[in-house]
């Protein structure tokens, strides 16, 4: 997943690739391992309007840190089922993977979710396949050139 956000100092679009986890209800979640030290997190705190790009869709959203106890436990459980990294992440923070320990230390955990909006958000990352059109035009020309050389 790529998150387009606005640089808090420059005001320019910035792009961050993050791990993505989709809950059963379709809501997307991303861990922010460096928490408040991550530049992209600082940017979304300054301006929460983001554009989310996945392999299947692009949409405007408001980014927010997961703070609700039930949602936080659901996210940790969701990620635990898909990625062993969460165990290392929790251990590094001195948190056991139990509901009590997670909630007791929730101020150390940074999971971001994206609530869809119709607001104007930063432009998505430009398509990187434009070069393909040049290649598709070049192949027939190369074929004609080679045919003429024979």
N, C-alpha and C. Protein backbone atom coordinates (compact mmCIF):
# COMPACT_ATOMS: atom_id res chain seq x y z
N UNK A 1 0.85 -1.16 0.00
CA UNK A 1 0.00 0.00 0.00
C UNK A 1 0.90 1.23 0.00
N UNK A 2 0.52 2.24 -0.77
CA UNK A 2 1.24 3.50 -0.79
C UNK A 2 0.32 4.58 -0.24
N UNK A 3 0.84 5.36 0.69
CA UNK A 3 0.09 6.45 1.28
C UNK A 3 0.66 7.75 0.75
N UNK A 4 -0.18 8.56 0.10
CA UNK A 4 0.23 9.90 -0.31
C UNK A 4 -0.21 10.85 0.79
N UNK A 5 0.73 11.58 1.34
CA UNK A 5 0.44 12.53 2.41
C UNK A 5 1.15 13.84 2.10
N UNK A 6 0.88 14.86 2.88
CA UNK A 6 1.46 16.18 2.63
C UNK A 6 2.59 16.44 3.61
N UNK A 7 3.74 16.84 3.08
CA UNK A 7 4.88 17.18 3.93
C UNK A 7 4.52 18.34 4.85
N UNK A 8 4.74 18.18 6.13
CA UNK A 8 4.33 19.20 7.10
C UNK A 8 5.13 20.49 6.98
N UNK A 9 6.35 20.40 6.46
CA UNK A 9 7.19 21.59 6.29
C UNK A 9 7.13 22.11 4.85
N UNK A 10 7.22 21.19 3.90
CA UNK A 10 7.30 21.58 2.49
C UNK A 10 5.93 21.84 1.86
N UNK A 11 4.90 21.17 2.37
CA UNK A 11 3.58 21.26 1.76
C UNK A 11 3.48 20.46 0.47
N UNK A 12 4.54 19.72 0.14
CA UNK A 12 4.59 18.92 -1.08
C UNK A 12 4.06 17.51 -0.83
N UNK A 13 3.54 16.85 -1.87
CA UNK A 13 3.09 15.47 -1.71
C UNK A 13 4.29 14.57 -1.37
N UNK A 14 4.07 13.67 -0.45
CA UNK A 14 5.08 12.68 -0.06
C UNK A 14 4.42 11.31 -0.15
N UNK A 15 5.24 10.28 -0.41
CA UNK A 15 4.71 8.93 -0.62
C UNK A 15 5.44 7.95 0.28
N UNK A 16 4.67 7.12 0.96
CA UNK A 16 5.24 6.12 1.86
C UNK A 16 4.60 4.78 1.58
N UNK A 17 5.43 3.77 1.37
CA UNK A 17 4.93 2.41 1.20
C UNK A 17 4.85 1.78 2.58
N UNK A 18 3.70 1.20 2.87
CA UNK A 18 3.51 0.57 4.18
C UNK A 18 2.94 -0.84 4.01
N UNK A 19 3.08 -1.59 5.06
CA UNK A 19 2.45 -2.90 5.14
C UNK A 19 0.94 -2.66 5.25
N UNK A 20 0.14 -3.51 4.65
CA UNK A 20 -1.31 -3.32 4.66
C UNK A 20 -1.99 -4.57 5.20
N UNK A 21 -2.98 -4.35 6.03
CA UNK A 21 -3.81 -5.44 6.55
C UNK A 21 -5.26 -5.02 6.41
N UNK A 22 -6.06 -5.86 5.78
CA UNK A 22 -7.47 -5.57 5.56
C UNK A 22 -8.30 -6.41 6.53
N UNK A 23 -9.13 -5.73 7.31
CA UNK A 23 -10.04 -6.42 8.24
C UNK A 23 -11.21 -6.99 7.44
N UNK A 24 -11.98 -7.85 8.06
CA UNK A 24 -13.13 -8.47 7.40
C UNK A 24 -14.13 -7.44 6.89
N UNK A 25 -14.21 -6.29 7.56
CA UNK A 25 -15.15 -5.24 7.14
C UNK A 25 -14.57 -4.36 6.03
N UNK A 26 -13.36 -4.66 5.55
CA UNK A 26 -12.74 -3.91 4.47
C UNK A 26 -11.85 -2.77 4.92
N UNK A 27 -11.88 -2.45 6.21
CA UNK A 27 -11.05 -1.36 6.75
C UNK A 27 -9.57 -1.75 6.65
N UNK A 28 -8.73 -0.80 6.23
CA UNK A 28 -7.30 -1.04 6.08
C UNK A 28 -6.54 -0.54 7.31
N UNK A 29 -5.49 -1.28 7.68
CA UNK A 29 -4.65 -0.92 8.82
C UNK A 29 -3.19 -1.06 8.43
N UNK A 30 -2.36 -0.20 9.00
CA UNK A 30 -0.92 -0.26 8.76
C UNK A 30 -0.19 -0.02 10.08
N UNK A 31 0.80 -0.86 10.40
CA UNK A 31 1.61 -0.57 11.57
C UNK A 31 2.58 0.57 11.27
N UNK A 32 2.88 1.35 12.27
CA UNK A 32 3.89 2.40 12.14
C UNK A 32 4.94 2.09 13.20
N UNK A 33 5.89 1.24 12.82
CA UNK A 33 6.85 0.68 13.76
C UNK A 33 7.66 1.73 14.51
N UNK A 34 7.98 2.85 13.88
CA UNK A 34 8.78 3.88 14.55
C UNK A 34 7.92 4.92 15.23
N UNK A 35 6.61 4.70 15.23
CA UNK A 35 5.69 5.56 15.97
C UNK A 35 5.86 7.03 15.68
N UNK A 36 5.88 7.82 16.73
CA UNK A 36 5.94 9.28 16.59
C UNK A 36 7.25 9.78 15.98
N UNK A 37 8.23 8.90 15.81
CA UNK A 37 9.50 9.29 15.20
C UNK A 37 9.48 9.16 13.68
N UNK A 38 8.50 8.47 13.15
CA UNK A 38 8.41 8.28 11.70
C UNK A 38 7.97 9.60 11.04
N UNK A 39 8.67 9.97 9.97
CA UNK A 39 8.35 11.22 9.29
C UNK A 39 6.93 11.19 8.72
N UNK A 40 6.52 10.06 8.15
CA UNK A 40 5.18 9.99 7.57
C UNK A 40 4.11 10.12 8.64
N UNK A 41 4.39 9.61 9.84
CA UNK A 41 3.43 9.75 10.95
C UNK A 41 3.33 11.23 11.36
N UNK A 42 4.47 11.90 11.45
CA UNK A 42 4.46 13.32 11.79
C UNK A 42 3.66 14.11 10.75
N UNK A 43 3.79 13.72 9.49
CA UNK A 43 3.04 14.40 8.44
C UNK A 43 1.54 14.19 8.56
N UNK A 44 1.11 12.97 8.87
CA UNK A 44 -0.35 12.74 8.96
C UNK A 44 -0.93 13.30 10.24
N UNK A 45 -0.10 13.53 11.24
CA UNK A 45 -0.59 14.22 12.45
C UNK A 45 -0.85 15.69 12.10
N UNK A 46 0.04 16.27 11.29
CA UNK A 46 -0.11 17.67 10.88
C UNK A 46 -1.29 17.84 9.92
N UNK A 47 -1.51 16.88 9.04
CA UNK A 47 -2.62 16.93 8.08
C UNK A 47 -3.03 15.50 7.78
N UNK A 48 -4.16 15.09 8.30
CA UNK A 48 -4.57 13.68 8.22
C UNK A 48 -5.16 13.28 6.86
N UNK A 49 -5.32 14.23 5.95
CA UNK A 49 -5.85 13.90 4.63
C UNK A 49 -4.79 13.16 3.83
N UNK A 50 -5.13 11.96 3.37
CA UNK A 50 -4.20 11.11 2.62
C UNK A 50 -4.92 10.49 1.43
N UNK A 51 -4.12 9.99 0.50
CA UNK A 51 -4.65 9.18 -0.59
C UNK A 51 -4.03 7.80 -0.43
N UNK A 52 -4.86 6.78 -0.43
CA UNK A 52 -4.42 5.40 -0.25
C UNK A 52 -4.45 4.70 -1.60
N UNK A 53 -3.35 4.04 -1.94
CA UNK A 53 -3.26 3.27 -3.18
C UNK A 53 -2.90 1.84 -2.84
N UNK A 54 -3.73 0.92 -3.33
CA UNK A 54 -3.42 -0.51 -3.21
C UNK A 54 -3.39 -1.07 -4.63
N UNK A 55 -3.15 -2.35 -4.74
CA UNK A 55 -3.16 -2.98 -6.05
C UNK A 55 -4.55 -2.96 -6.67
N UNK A 56 -5.58 -2.79 -5.83
CA UNK A 56 -6.96 -2.89 -6.31
C UNK A 56 -7.74 -1.59 -6.34
N UNK A 57 -7.26 -0.57 -5.63
CA UNK A 57 -8.04 0.67 -5.57
C UNK A 57 -7.18 1.84 -5.11
N UNK A 58 -7.70 3.04 -5.37
CA UNK A 58 -7.13 4.29 -4.88
C UNK A 58 -8.29 5.09 -4.32
N UNK A 59 -8.11 5.61 -3.09
CA UNK A 59 -9.20 6.39 -2.49
C UNK A 59 -8.67 7.46 -1.55
N UNK A 60 -9.50 8.49 -1.35
CA UNK A 60 -9.20 9.57 -0.42
C UNK A 60 -9.63 9.15 0.97
N UNK A 61 -8.82 9.54 1.98
CA UNK A 61 -9.13 9.12 3.34
C UNK A 61 -8.57 10.11 4.35
N UNK A 62 -9.03 9.94 5.57
CA UNK A 62 -8.44 10.61 6.73
C UNK A 62 -7.72 9.51 7.52
N UNK A 63 -6.44 9.73 7.73
CA UNK A 63 -5.66 8.77 8.52
C UNK A 63 -5.87 9.07 9.99
N UNK A 64 -5.93 8.02 10.78
CA UNK A 64 -6.02 8.22 12.23
C UNK A 64 -5.33 7.06 12.94
N UNK A 65 -4.78 7.38 14.08
CA UNK A 65 -4.16 6.35 14.91
C UNK A 65 -5.26 5.57 15.61
N UNK A 66 -5.11 4.26 15.65
CA UNK A 66 -6.10 3.41 16.33
C UNK A 66 -5.96 3.63 17.83
N UNK A 67 -7.03 4.11 18.46
CA UNK A 67 -7.00 4.40 19.88
C UNK A 67 -8.05 3.61 20.67
N UNK A 68 -9.13 3.21 20.01
CA UNK A 68 -10.19 2.46 20.68
C UNK A 68 -9.66 1.09 21.11
N UNK A 69 -9.93 0.71 22.36
CA UNK A 69 -9.40 -0.54 22.91
C UNK A 69 -9.81 -1.76 22.08
N UNK A 70 -11.08 -1.87 21.73
CA UNK A 70 -11.55 -3.03 20.98
C UNK A 70 -10.94 -3.08 19.58
N UNK A 71 -10.85 -1.93 18.95
CA UNK A 71 -10.25 -1.87 17.61
C UNK A 71 -8.76 -2.22 17.67
N UNK A 72 -8.07 -1.73 18.69
CA UNK A 72 -6.65 -2.03 18.84
C UNK A 72 -6.41 -3.52 19.03
N UNK A 73 -7.19 -4.16 19.88
CA UNK A 73 -7.05 -5.61 20.10
C UNK A 73 -7.35 -6.37 18.81
N UNK A 74 -8.35 -5.93 18.06
CA UNK A 74 -8.70 -6.57 16.79
C UNK A 74 -7.54 -6.45 15.80
N UNK A 75 -6.91 -5.27 15.73
CA UNK A 75 -5.81 -5.06 14.79
C UNK A 75 -4.61 -5.93 15.16
N UNK A 76 -4.25 -5.99 16.42
CA UNK A 76 -3.13 -6.82 16.84
C UNK A 76 -3.42 -8.29 16.52
N UNK A 77 -4.65 -8.73 16.77
CA UNK A 77 -5.03 -10.11 16.45
C UNK A 77 -4.98 -10.35 14.94
N UNK A 78 -5.51 -9.41 14.15
CA UNK A 78 -5.51 -9.52 12.69
C UNK A 78 -4.08 -9.67 12.16
N UNK A 79 -3.20 -8.80 12.62
CA UNK A 79 -1.82 -8.83 12.13
C UNK A 79 -1.08 -10.06 12.66
N UNK A 80 -1.36 -10.48 13.89
CA UNK A 80 -0.72 -11.67 14.46
C UNK A 80 -0.99 -12.92 13.63
N UNK A 81 -2.18 -13.00 13.04
CA UNK A 81 -2.54 -14.17 12.24
C UNK A 81 -1.81 -14.20 10.90
N UNK A 82 -1.32 -13.03 10.44
CA UNK A 82 -0.74 -12.94 9.10
C UNK A 82 0.76 -12.68 9.09
N UNK A 83 1.31 -12.20 10.19
CA UNK A 83 2.69 -11.74 10.14
C UNK A 83 3.36 -11.94 11.50
N UNK A 84 4.44 -12.70 11.52
CA UNK A 84 5.15 -12.95 12.77
C UNK A 84 5.91 -11.72 13.27
N UNK A 85 6.06 -10.71 12.41
CA UNK A 85 6.73 -9.47 12.80
C UNK A 85 6.11 -8.86 14.04
N UNK A 86 4.81 -9.00 14.20
CA UNK A 86 4.11 -8.38 15.32
C UNK A 86 4.66 -8.88 16.66
N UNK A 87 5.06 -10.14 16.71
CA UNK A 87 5.62 -10.68 17.95
C UNK A 87 6.92 -9.96 18.32
N UNK A 88 7.77 -9.75 17.31
CA UNK A 88 9.03 -9.04 17.52
C UNK A 88 8.77 -7.59 17.90
N UNK A 89 7.82 -6.97 17.22
CA UNK A 89 7.46 -5.58 17.49
C UNK A 89 6.99 -5.42 18.94
N UNK A 90 6.07 -6.28 19.37
CA UNK A 90 5.58 -6.20 20.75
C UNK A 90 6.69 -6.46 21.75
N UNK A 91 7.49 -7.49 21.49
CA UNK A 91 8.59 -7.83 22.41
C UNK A 91 9.58 -6.68 22.53
N UNK A 92 9.90 -6.04 21.40
CA UNK A 92 10.84 -4.91 21.41
C UNK A 92 10.33 -3.78 22.28
N UNK A 93 9.01 -3.65 22.36
CA UNK A 93 8.41 -2.60 23.17
C UNK A 93 8.13 -3.06 24.61
N UNK A 94 8.48 -4.33 24.92
CA UNK A 94 8.25 -4.85 26.26
C UNK A 94 6.79 -5.17 26.52
N UNK A 95 6.07 -5.55 25.47
CA UNK A 95 4.64 -5.84 25.57
C UNK A 95 4.41 -7.31 25.27
N UNK A 96 3.67 -7.99 26.13
CA UNK A 96 3.28 -9.37 25.87
C UNK A 96 2.07 -9.35 24.94
N UNK A 97 1.90 -10.40 24.15
CA UNK A 97 0.76 -10.46 23.25
C UNK A 97 -0.46 -11.01 23.99
N UNK A 98 -0.87 -10.24 24.99
CA UNK A 98 -2.09 -10.54 25.74
C UNK A 98 -2.94 -9.26 25.75
N UNK A 99 -4.26 -9.41 25.80
CA UNK A 99 -5.11 -8.21 25.83
C UNK A 99 -4.74 -7.24 26.95
N UNK A 100 -4.46 -7.78 28.13
CA UNK A 100 -4.14 -6.91 29.27
C UNK A 100 -2.86 -6.11 29.00
N UNK A 101 -1.81 -6.77 28.55
CA UNK A 101 -0.54 -6.10 28.30
C UNK A 101 -0.64 -5.10 27.15
N UNK A 102 -1.37 -5.48 26.11
CA UNK A 102 -1.55 -4.58 24.96
C UNK A 102 -2.26 -3.31 25.39
N UNK A 103 -3.35 -3.44 26.13
CA UNK A 103 -4.11 -2.26 26.54
C UNK A 103 -3.36 -1.43 27.58
N UNK A 104 -2.61 -2.11 28.44
CA UNK A 104 -1.81 -1.41 29.44
C UNK A 104 -0.72 -0.55 28.80
N UNK A 105 -0.26 -0.97 27.62
CA UNK A 105 0.84 -0.29 26.92
C UNK A 105 0.41 0.33 25.60
N UNK A 106 -0.87 0.60 25.43
CA UNK A 106 -1.35 1.05 24.13
C UNK A 106 -0.75 2.38 23.68
N UNK A 107 -0.23 3.17 24.62
CA UNK A 107 0.40 4.42 24.24
C UNK A 107 1.70 4.20 23.45
N UNK A 108 2.26 2.99 23.51
CA UNK A 108 3.48 2.66 22.77
C UNK A 108 3.19 2.11 21.37
N UNK A 109 1.93 1.77 21.11
CA UNK A 109 1.56 1.11 19.85
C UNK A 109 1.01 2.12 18.85
N UNK A 110 1.51 2.02 17.63
CA UNK A 110 1.08 2.93 16.56
C UNK A 110 0.57 2.12 15.38
N UNK A 111 -0.74 2.02 15.29
CA UNK A 111 -1.39 1.42 14.13
C UNK A 111 -2.27 2.50 13.53
N UNK A 112 -2.20 2.62 12.22
CA UNK A 112 -2.93 3.67 11.52
C UNK A 112 -4.03 3.03 10.70
N UNK A 113 -5.19 3.67 10.66
CA UNK A 113 -6.28 3.24 9.81
C UNK A 113 -6.74 4.41 8.97
N UNK A 114 -7.51 4.12 7.95
CA UNK A 114 -7.85 5.11 6.94
C UNK A 114 -9.36 5.14 6.73
N UNK A 115 -9.98 6.24 7.16
CA UNK A 115 -11.42 6.40 7.00
C UNK A 115 -11.70 7.16 5.71
N UNK A 116 -12.46 6.55 4.83
CA UNK A 116 -12.74 7.15 3.52
C UNK A 116 -13.42 8.51 3.67
N UNK A 117 -13.09 9.40 2.74
CA UNK A 117 -13.65 10.75 2.74
C UNK A 117 -13.83 11.23 1.30
N UNK A 118 -14.61 12.26 1.13
CA UNK A 118 -14.78 12.88 -0.19
C UNK A 118 -13.95 14.17 -0.28
N UNK A 119 -13.18 14.44 0.77
CA UNK A 119 -12.34 15.63 0.80
C UNK A 119 -11.22 15.53 -0.25
N UNK A 120 -10.68 16.68 -0.61
CA UNK A 120 -9.53 16.70 -1.51
C UNK A 120 -8.31 16.25 -0.72
N UNK A 121 -7.57 15.32 -1.29
CA UNK A 121 -6.39 14.76 -0.64
C UNK A 121 -5.20 14.87 -1.60
N UNK A 122 -4.00 14.58 -1.12
CA UNK A 122 -2.82 14.69 -2.00
C UNK A 122 -2.96 13.80 -3.24
N UNK A 123 -2.30 14.18 -4.34
CA UNK A 123 -2.39 13.36 -5.55
C UNK A 123 -1.75 12.00 -5.33
N UNK A 124 -2.32 10.96 -5.95
CA UNK A 124 -1.71 9.63 -5.81
C UNK A 124 -0.36 9.58 -6.52
N UNK A 125 0.42 8.58 -6.19
CA UNK A 125 1.71 8.39 -6.85
C UNK A 125 1.44 8.17 -8.34
N UNK A 126 2.20 8.85 -9.19
CA UNK A 126 1.98 8.69 -10.64
C UNK A 126 2.21 7.25 -11.09
N UNK A 127 1.48 6.86 -12.13
CA UNK A 127 1.69 5.54 -12.71
C UNK A 127 3.13 5.42 -13.16
N UNK A 128 3.70 4.26 -12.92
CA UNK A 128 5.09 4.08 -13.32
C UNK A 128 5.21 3.19 -14.56
N UNK A 129 4.11 2.99 -15.27
CA UNK A 129 4.14 2.13 -16.46
C UNK A 129 4.03 2.93 -17.76
N UNK A 130 4.21 4.24 -17.70
CA UNK A 130 4.13 5.05 -18.91
C UNK A 130 5.20 4.65 -19.92
N UNK A 131 6.34 4.18 -19.42
CA UNK A 131 7.42 3.74 -20.31
C UNK A 131 6.97 2.59 -21.20
N UNK A 132 5.95 1.86 -20.76
CA UNK A 132 5.48 0.71 -21.53
C UNK A 132 4.95 1.13 -22.89
N UNK A 133 4.30 2.30 -22.98
CA UNK A 133 3.78 2.79 -24.27
C UNK A 133 4.92 3.02 -25.26
N UNK A 134 6.02 3.57 -24.78
CA UNK A 134 7.19 3.79 -25.65
C UNK A 134 7.69 2.45 -26.16
N UNK A 135 7.77 1.47 -25.27
CA UNK A 135 8.23 0.14 -25.67
C UNK A 135 7.28 -0.48 -26.69
N UNK A 136 5.99 -0.37 -26.45
CA UNK A 136 5.01 -0.95 -27.37
C UNK A 136 5.06 -0.29 -28.74
N UNK A 137 5.39 0.99 -28.80
CA UNK A 137 5.54 1.66 -30.08
C UNK A 137 6.88 1.32 -30.74
N UNK A 138 7.89 1.10 -29.95
CA UNK A 138 9.23 0.84 -30.45
C UNK A 138 9.35 -0.56 -31.06
N UNK A 139 8.70 -1.54 -30.50
CA UNK A 139 8.82 -2.93 -30.99
C UNK A 139 8.39 -3.05 -32.45
N UNK A 140 7.22 -2.53 -32.87
CA UNK A 140 6.87 -2.63 -34.29
C UNK A 140 7.85 -1.88 -35.19
N UNK A 141 8.30 -0.71 -34.74
CA UNK A 141 9.27 0.06 -35.53
C UNK A 141 10.56 -0.73 -35.67
N UNK A 142 11.02 -1.34 -34.61
CA UNK A 142 12.23 -2.16 -34.66
C UNK A 142 12.03 -3.34 -35.61
N UNK A 143 10.85 -3.96 -35.55
CA UNK A 143 10.54 -5.08 -36.43
C UNK A 143 10.57 -4.67 -37.90
N UNK A 144 9.99 -3.52 -38.21
CA UNK A 144 10.02 -3.01 -39.60
C UNK A 144 11.45 -2.71 -40.05
N UNK A 145 12.21 -2.11 -39.17
CA UNK A 145 13.60 -1.77 -39.49
C UNK A 145 14.41 -3.04 -39.77
N UNK A 146 14.23 -4.05 -38.92
CA UNK A 146 14.98 -5.31 -39.12
C UNK A 146 14.54 -6.01 -40.41
N UNK A 147 13.25 -5.93 -40.71
CA UNK A 147 12.73 -6.56 -41.93
C UNK A 147 13.31 -5.87 -43.17
N UNK A 148 13.45 -4.54 -43.11
CA UNK A 148 14.02 -3.79 -44.23
C UNK A 148 15.52 -4.06 -44.40
N UNK A 149 16.21 -4.38 -43.35
CA UNK A 149 17.65 -4.64 -43.43
C UNK A 149 17.93 -5.98 -44.12
N UNK A 150 16.99 -6.89 -44.12
CA UNK A 150 17.21 -8.21 -44.69
C UNK A 150 17.18 -8.19 -46.16
